[in-house]
N, C-alpha and C. Protein backbone atom coordinates (compact mmCIF):
# COMPACT_ATOMS: atom_id res chain seq x y z
N MET A 1 94.72 69.36 102.23
CA MET A 1 93.52 70.36 102.21
C MET A 1 93.96 71.63 101.53
N GLN A 2 92.99 71.94 100.52
CA GLN A 2 93.04 73.16 99.78
C GLN A 2 92.70 74.58 100.42
N HIS A 3 93.33 75.44 100.26
CA HIS A 3 93.21 76.46 101.09
C HIS A 3 92.19 77.28 100.12
N LEU A 4 90.89 78.01 100.98
CA LEU A 4 90.10 78.55 100.17
C LEU A 4 90.37 80.05 100.04
N LYS A 5 90.28 80.70 99.17
CA LYS A 5 90.35 82.03 98.94
C LYS A 5 89.29 82.77 99.48
N MET A 6 89.54 83.94 100.39
CA MET A 6 88.35 84.69 100.53
C MET A 6 87.76 85.87 99.54
N THR A 7 86.55 85.80 99.74
CA THR A 7 86.02 87.02 98.73
C THR A 7 85.99 88.27 99.47
N ILE A 8 85.72 89.12 98.68
CA ILE A 8 85.43 90.41 99.26
C ILE A 8 84.21 90.35 100.43
N ASP A 9 83.35 89.88 100.16
CA ASP A 9 82.35 89.66 101.02
C ASP A 9 82.84 88.74 102.41
N ASP A 10 83.71 88.03 102.26
CA ASP A 10 84.10 87.56 103.33
C ASP A 10 85.08 88.62 104.40
N TYR A 11 85.81 89.28 103.27
CA TYR A 11 86.73 90.29 104.15
C TYR A 11 85.87 91.37 104.82
N ILE A 12 84.66 91.65 104.25
CA ILE A 12 83.76 92.53 104.95
C ILE A 12 83.05 92.23 106.07
N ALA A 13 82.56 90.74 105.91
CA ALA A 13 82.19 90.20 107.18
C ALA A 13 83.05 89.88 108.26
N ASP A 14 84.29 89.57 108.02
CA ASP A 14 85.30 89.55 109.06
C ASP A 14 85.68 90.83 109.64
N TYR A 15 85.77 92.19 108.81
CA TYR A 15 85.87 93.45 109.19
C TYR A 15 84.77 93.69 110.21
N LYS A 16 83.60 93.66 109.56
CA LYS A 16 82.29 93.79 110.71
C LYS A 16 82.51 93.16 111.87
N ARG A 17 83.01 91.92 112.28
CA ARG A 17 83.20 91.01 113.26
C ARG A 17 84.42 91.73 114.17
N GLN A 18 85.17 92.47 113.78
CA GLN A 18 86.16 93.06 114.65
C GLN A 18 85.72 94.26 114.88
N VAL A 19 84.78 95.09 114.54
CA VAL A 19 84.24 96.31 114.63
C VAL A 19 83.10 95.95 115.88
N LEU A 20 82.64 94.71 115.93
CA LEU A 20 81.61 94.45 116.83
C LEU A 20 82.59 94.10 118.08
N ILE A 21 83.77 93.30 118.27
CA ILE A 21 84.36 93.26 119.16
C ILE A 21 85.13 94.82 120.12
N CYS A 22 85.26 95.88 118.96
CA CYS A 22 85.82 97.15 119.42
C CYS A 22 84.26 97.52 120.10
N ALA A 23 83.10 97.42 119.56
CA ALA A 23 81.88 98.15 120.27
C ALA A 23 81.70 97.37 121.75
N GLN A 24 82.29 96.44 121.76
CA GLN A 24 81.99 95.64 123.10
C GLN A 24 83.06 95.74 124.26
N VAL A 25 83.99 96.66 123.63
CA VAL A 25 85.37 96.65 124.67
C VAL A 25 84.86 97.18 125.96
N ASP A 26 85.44 96.63 127.08
CA ASP A 26 85.13 96.92 128.66
C ASP A 26 86.69 97.58 129.16
N TYR A 27 86.83 98.96 129.07
CA TYR A 27 88.15 99.22 129.65
C TYR A 27 88.87 98.49 130.61
N ALA A 28 87.82 98.33 131.67
CA ALA A 28 88.18 97.92 133.07
C ALA A 28 88.66 96.48 132.77
N ASP A 29 88.62 95.74 132.04
CA ASP A 29 88.96 94.61 131.83
C ASP A 29 90.41 94.26 130.63
N MET A 30 91.36 94.22 131.22
CA MET A 30 92.70 94.21 130.38
C MET A 30 92.74 93.02 129.28
N ARG A 31 91.80 91.96 129.56
CA ARG A 31 91.64 91.02 128.42
C ARG A 31 90.65 91.51 127.27
N SER A 32 89.73 92.12 127.57
CA SER A 32 88.64 92.87 126.50
C SER A 32 89.58 93.88 125.81
N VAL A 33 90.24 94.77 126.46
CA VAL A 33 91.47 95.79 125.78
C VAL A 33 92.30 95.10 124.96
N LYS A 34 92.89 94.04 125.35
CA LYS A 34 93.75 93.25 124.58
C LYS A 34 92.86 92.77 123.10
N ARG A 35 91.59 92.13 123.30
CA ARG A 35 90.92 91.91 122.42
C ARG A 35 90.51 93.01 121.24
N ASN A 36 90.32 94.32 121.90
CA ASN A 36 89.97 95.62 121.14
C ASN A 36 91.16 95.87 120.24
N ASN A 37 92.52 95.73 120.87
CA ASN A 37 93.59 96.28 120.14
C ASN A 37 94.08 95.18 119.15
N ALA A 38 93.80 93.91 119.39
CA ALA A 38 93.94 92.92 118.35
C ALA A 38 92.75 92.98 117.31
N ALA A 39 91.84 93.46 117.40
CA ALA A 39 90.56 93.64 116.49
C ALA A 39 90.88 94.79 115.70
N VAL A 40 91.57 96.00 116.26
CA VAL A 40 91.90 96.96 115.36
C VAL A 40 92.99 96.98 114.45
N ASP A 41 94.03 95.92 115.06
CA ASP A 41 95.06 95.48 114.24
C ASP A 41 94.73 94.73 113.08
N LYS A 42 93.59 93.94 113.19
CA LYS A 42 93.19 92.89 112.13
C LYS A 42 92.40 93.45 111.34
N MET A 43 91.65 94.94 111.73
CA MET A 43 90.85 95.76 110.81
C MET A 43 91.92 96.25 109.65
N TYR A 44 93.16 96.86 110.24
CA TYR A 44 93.95 97.31 109.42
C TYR A 44 94.36 96.37 108.47
N HIS A 45 94.81 95.36 109.09
CA HIS A 45 95.39 94.23 108.19
C HIS A 45 94.23 93.78 106.85
N ILE A 46 93.10 93.52 107.23
CA ILE A 46 91.91 93.33 106.28
C ILE A 46 92.09 94.58 105.04
N ILE A 47 92.01 95.71 105.58
CA ILE A 47 91.88 96.93 104.56
C ILE A 47 93.29 96.78 103.66
N GLU A 48 94.14 96.55 104.29
CA GLU A 48 95.57 96.45 103.50
C GLU A 48 95.46 94.99 102.56
N THR A 49 95.14 93.85 102.85
CA THR A 49 94.99 92.83 102.13
C THR A 49 93.88 92.89 101.07
N VAL A 50 92.90 93.48 101.59
CA VAL A 50 91.96 94.01 100.25
C VAL A 50 92.51 94.67 99.29
N ASN A 51 93.08 95.93 99.63
CA ASN A 51 93.90 96.68 98.62
C ASN A 51 94.87 95.96 98.20
N ASN A 52 95.52 95.01 98.55
CA ASN A 52 96.82 94.22 97.94
C ASN A 52 95.88 93.10 97.00
N THR A 53 94.81 92.58 97.31
CA THR A 53 94.36 91.53 96.49
C THR A 53 93.49 92.04 95.67
N PHE A 54 92.61 92.97 96.07
CA PHE A 54 91.56 93.08 95.28
C PHE A 54 91.70 94.53 94.70
N GLY A 55 92.51 95.31 94.59
CA GLY A 55 92.56 96.61 94.26
C GLY A 55 91.69 97.48 94.41
N GLN A 56 91.68 98.67 93.66
CA GLN A 56 90.66 99.58 93.72
C GLN A 56 89.04 99.10 93.71
N GLY A 57 88.77 97.90 93.05
CA GLY A 57 87.38 97.44 93.12
C GLY A 57 87.22 96.62 94.40
N GLY A 58 88.17 96.30 95.23
CA GLY A 58 87.82 95.91 96.59
C GLY A 58 87.67 96.86 97.47
N ILE A 59 88.26 98.02 97.19
CA ILE A 59 88.52 99.08 98.14
C ILE A 59 86.82 99.80 98.02
N LYS A 60 86.40 99.78 96.81
CA LYS A 60 85.40 100.76 96.57
C LYS A 60 84.21 99.78 97.16
N LYS A 61 84.09 98.48 97.24
CA LYS A 61 83.22 97.71 98.03
C LYS A 61 83.35 98.09 99.99
N PHE A 62 84.36 98.18 100.29
CA PHE A 62 84.83 98.64 101.70
C PHE A 62 84.21 100.03 101.89
N GLU A 63 84.49 101.09 100.83
CA GLU A 63 83.64 102.24 100.99
C GLU A 63 82.33 102.33 101.18
N GLU A 64 81.71 101.62 100.89
CA GLU A 64 80.49 101.25 101.07
C GLU A 64 79.93 101.18 102.54
N LEU A 65 80.91 101.05 103.41
CA LEU A 65 80.75 100.66 105.03
C LEU A 65 80.64 101.99 105.41
N LEU A 66 81.09 103.03 104.60
CA LEU A 66 81.14 104.33 105.37
C LEU A 66 79.38 104.92 105.79
N ASN A 67 78.53 104.15 104.99
CA ASN A 67 77.16 104.33 105.00
C ASN A 67 76.73 103.49 106.08
N ASP A 68 77.52 102.49 106.62
CA ASP A 68 76.93 101.82 107.60
C ASP A 68 77.17 102.33 109.44
N ASN A 69 76.46 102.63 109.94
CA ASN A 69 76.62 103.28 111.32
C ASN A 69 76.78 102.19 112.67
N SER A 70 76.15 101.08 112.17
CA SER A 70 76.05 100.06 113.32
C SER A 70 77.34 99.69 113.88
N ASN A 71 77.17 99.80 115.19
CA ASN A 71 78.82 99.53 116.12
C ASN A 71 79.83 100.84 115.62
N LYS A 72 79.60 101.63 114.82
CA LYS A 72 80.67 102.67 114.65
C LYS A 72 81.34 102.18 113.39
N THR A 73 80.81 101.29 112.56
CA THR A 73 81.63 101.12 111.45
C THR A 73 81.81 101.92 110.45
N ASP A 74 80.86 103.03 110.35
CA ASP A 74 81.40 104.17 109.60
C ASP A 74 82.37 104.72 110.06
N VAL A 75 82.72 104.84 111.31
CA VAL A 75 83.72 105.45 111.84
C VAL A 75 85.23 104.94 111.89
N TRP A 76 84.90 103.58 112.11
CA TRP A 76 86.21 102.96 111.70
C TRP A 76 86.94 102.85 110.37
N ILE A 77 85.89 102.48 109.39
CA ILE A 77 86.32 102.72 108.12
C ILE A 77 86.88 103.84 107.48
N ALA A 78 85.95 104.93 108.17
CA ALA A 78 86.55 106.27 107.86
C ALA A 78 88.07 106.66 108.15
N PHE A 79 88.34 106.33 109.49
CA PHE A 79 89.70 106.32 109.92
C PHE A 79 90.68 105.67 109.17
N GLN A 80 90.56 104.37 108.77
CA GLN A 80 91.37 103.38 108.44
C GLN A 80 91.47 103.44 106.96
N LEU A 81 90.52 103.97 106.30
CA LEU A 81 90.94 104.36 104.67
C LEU A 81 91.46 105.40 104.58
N LEU A 82 91.20 106.49 105.36
CA LEU A 82 91.97 107.51 105.02
C LEU A 82 93.49 107.24 105.97
N ASP A 83 93.87 106.53 106.63
CA ASP A 83 95.02 106.32 107.20
C ASP A 83 96.07 105.53 105.99
N ARG A 84 95.05 104.33 105.29
CA ARG A 84 96.07 103.53 104.43
C ARG A 84 95.80 103.69 103.13
N ILE A 85 94.81 104.18 102.30
CA ILE A 85 94.53 103.99 100.94
C ILE A 85 94.39 105.33 100.30
N ARG A 86 94.77 105.68 99.46
CA ARG A 86 94.86 106.64 98.71
C ARG A 86 93.37 106.64 97.97
N LEU A 87 92.23 107.57 98.51
CA LEU A 87 91.08 107.63 98.08
C LEU A 87 90.71 108.80 96.98
N ASP A 88 89.52 108.57 96.13
CA ASP A 88 89.25 109.82 95.17
C ASP A 88 88.83 110.60 96.08
N LYS A 89 88.67 112.13 95.68
CA LYS A 89 88.09 113.26 96.41
C LYS A 89 86.99 113.20 97.18
N GLU A 90 86.06 112.61 96.52
CA GLU A 90 84.71 112.42 96.92
C GLU A 90 84.66 111.49 98.15
N VAL A 91 85.13 110.22 98.06
CA VAL A 91 85.26 109.36 99.35
C VAL A 91 85.97 109.87 100.44
N GLU A 92 87.13 110.47 100.03
CA GLU A 92 88.02 111.21 101.20
C GLU A 92 87.08 112.06 101.63
N GLU A 93 86.34 113.19 101.01
CA GLU A 93 85.39 114.12 101.61
C GLU A 93 84.36 113.38 102.64
N ARG A 94 83.76 112.27 102.10
CA ARG A 94 82.79 111.72 102.77
C ARG A 94 83.32 111.04 104.24
N ALA A 95 84.59 110.65 104.23
CA ALA A 95 85.13 109.98 105.24
C ALA A 95 85.64 111.10 106.23
N LEU A 96 86.05 112.18 105.71
CA LEU A 96 86.66 113.22 106.60
C LEU A 96 85.18 114.03 107.43
N LYS A 97 84.11 113.94 106.62
CA LYS A 97 82.91 114.48 107.11
C LYS A 97 82.43 113.75 108.32
N ILE A 98 82.55 112.32 108.07
CA ILE A 98 82.13 111.42 109.50
C ILE A 98 83.01 111.79 110.51
N ILE A 99 84.59 111.91 110.41
CA ILE A 99 85.63 112.32 111.58
C ILE A 99 85.17 113.59 111.99
N GLU A 100 85.08 114.49 111.04
CA GLU A 100 84.76 115.99 111.51
C GLU A 100 83.41 115.89 112.49
N SER A 101 82.46 114.96 112.11
CA SER A 101 81.34 115.14 113.21
C SER A 101 81.18 114.48 114.35
N ILE A 102 82.47 113.73 114.62
CA ILE A 102 82.70 113.45 115.84
C ILE A 102 83.76 114.24 116.67
N ALA A 103 84.59 115.04 115.84
CA ALA A 103 85.59 116.09 116.38
C ALA A 103 84.48 117.44 116.98
N GLU A 104 83.41 117.39 116.55
CA GLU A 104 82.55 118.56 117.12
C GLU A 104 81.84 118.09 118.24
N GLY A 105 82.09 116.97 118.66
CA GLY A 105 81.25 116.54 119.73
C GLY A 105 82.12 116.97 121.08
N LYS A 106 81.80 116.22 122.21
CA LYS A 106 82.55 116.14 123.64
C LYS A 106 82.88 115.10 123.89
N GLY A 107 84.04 114.61 124.96
CA GLY A 107 84.46 113.73 125.22
C GLY A 107 85.60 113.38 124.55
N THR A 108 86.12 111.95 124.97
CA THR A 108 87.45 111.73 124.65
C THR A 108 87.40 111.28 122.88
N ASP A 109 86.24 110.68 122.47
CA ASP A 109 86.32 110.52 121.10
C ASP A 109 86.54 111.68 120.23
N ALA A 110 85.55 112.72 120.65
CA ALA A 110 86.06 114.35 120.11
C ALA A 110 87.45 114.54 119.91
N ILE A 111 87.82 114.36 121.36
CA ILE A 111 89.10 115.00 121.44
C ILE A 111 90.04 114.27 120.36
N GLY A 112 90.04 112.57 120.36
CA GLY A 112 90.99 112.05 119.63
C GLY A 112 90.68 112.30 118.24
N ALA A 113 89.40 112.51 117.70
CA ALA A 113 89.05 113.02 116.33
C ALA A 113 89.81 114.17 115.81
N LYS A 114 89.85 115.06 116.79
CA LYS A 114 90.35 116.26 116.54
C LYS A 114 91.82 116.43 116.57
N TYR A 115 92.78 115.79 117.38
CA TYR A 115 93.81 115.31 117.25
C TYR A 115 94.39 114.74 115.88
N TRP A 116 93.26 113.67 115.62
CA TRP A 116 93.60 112.68 114.55
C TRP A 116 93.36 113.91 113.26
N LEU A 117 92.57 114.72 113.20
CA LEU A 117 92.52 115.58 112.01
C LEU A 117 93.34 116.75 112.02
N LYS A 118 94.07 116.91 113.14
CA LYS A 118 95.09 117.88 113.15
C LYS A 118 96.39 117.07 112.23
N ASN A 119 96.87 116.06 112.94
CA ASN A 119 97.82 115.39 112.35
C ASN A 119 97.71 114.63 110.83
N TRP A 120 96.30 114.63 110.42
CA TRP A 120 96.07 114.23 109.03
C TRP A 120 96.33 115.37 108.26
N LYS A 121 95.78 116.51 108.18
CA LYS A 121 96.12 117.84 107.84
C LYS A 121 97.40 117.87 107.76
N LEU A 122 98.39 118.07 108.74
CA LEU A 122 99.52 118.35 108.37
C LEU A 122 100.32 117.29 107.37
N LYS A 123 100.10 116.13 107.08
CA LYS A 123 100.41 115.14 106.22
C LYS A 123 100.03 115.42 104.94
N LYS A 124 98.91 116.20 104.79
CA LYS A 124 98.60 116.47 103.43
C LYS A 124 99.34 117.52 102.56
């Protein structure tokens, strides 16, 4: 059986499937939380695989997800690109604006975004 190579569009579709799993998490259900955590790990793996396989061209396609706010896709990709990929200044600023807008809100997402931004700036 021949191994089929995934295209960049296949990776994007898989990434969006993982985002959907995260959007449906039920924190009262341990199995749901485990599925969520596995989906987050898979999203990071996808980003790294795309970077290693397709290089900057593949990452450019993933940067387009910064414009997709369905299921918080833009939020996930913003955090993960900034965590794992060297971005050009313009894309970095777009991703940071998404995270900063969350940090300006209220609730646990805002607290997490503030904490993440503080740590990210310390690494810079």
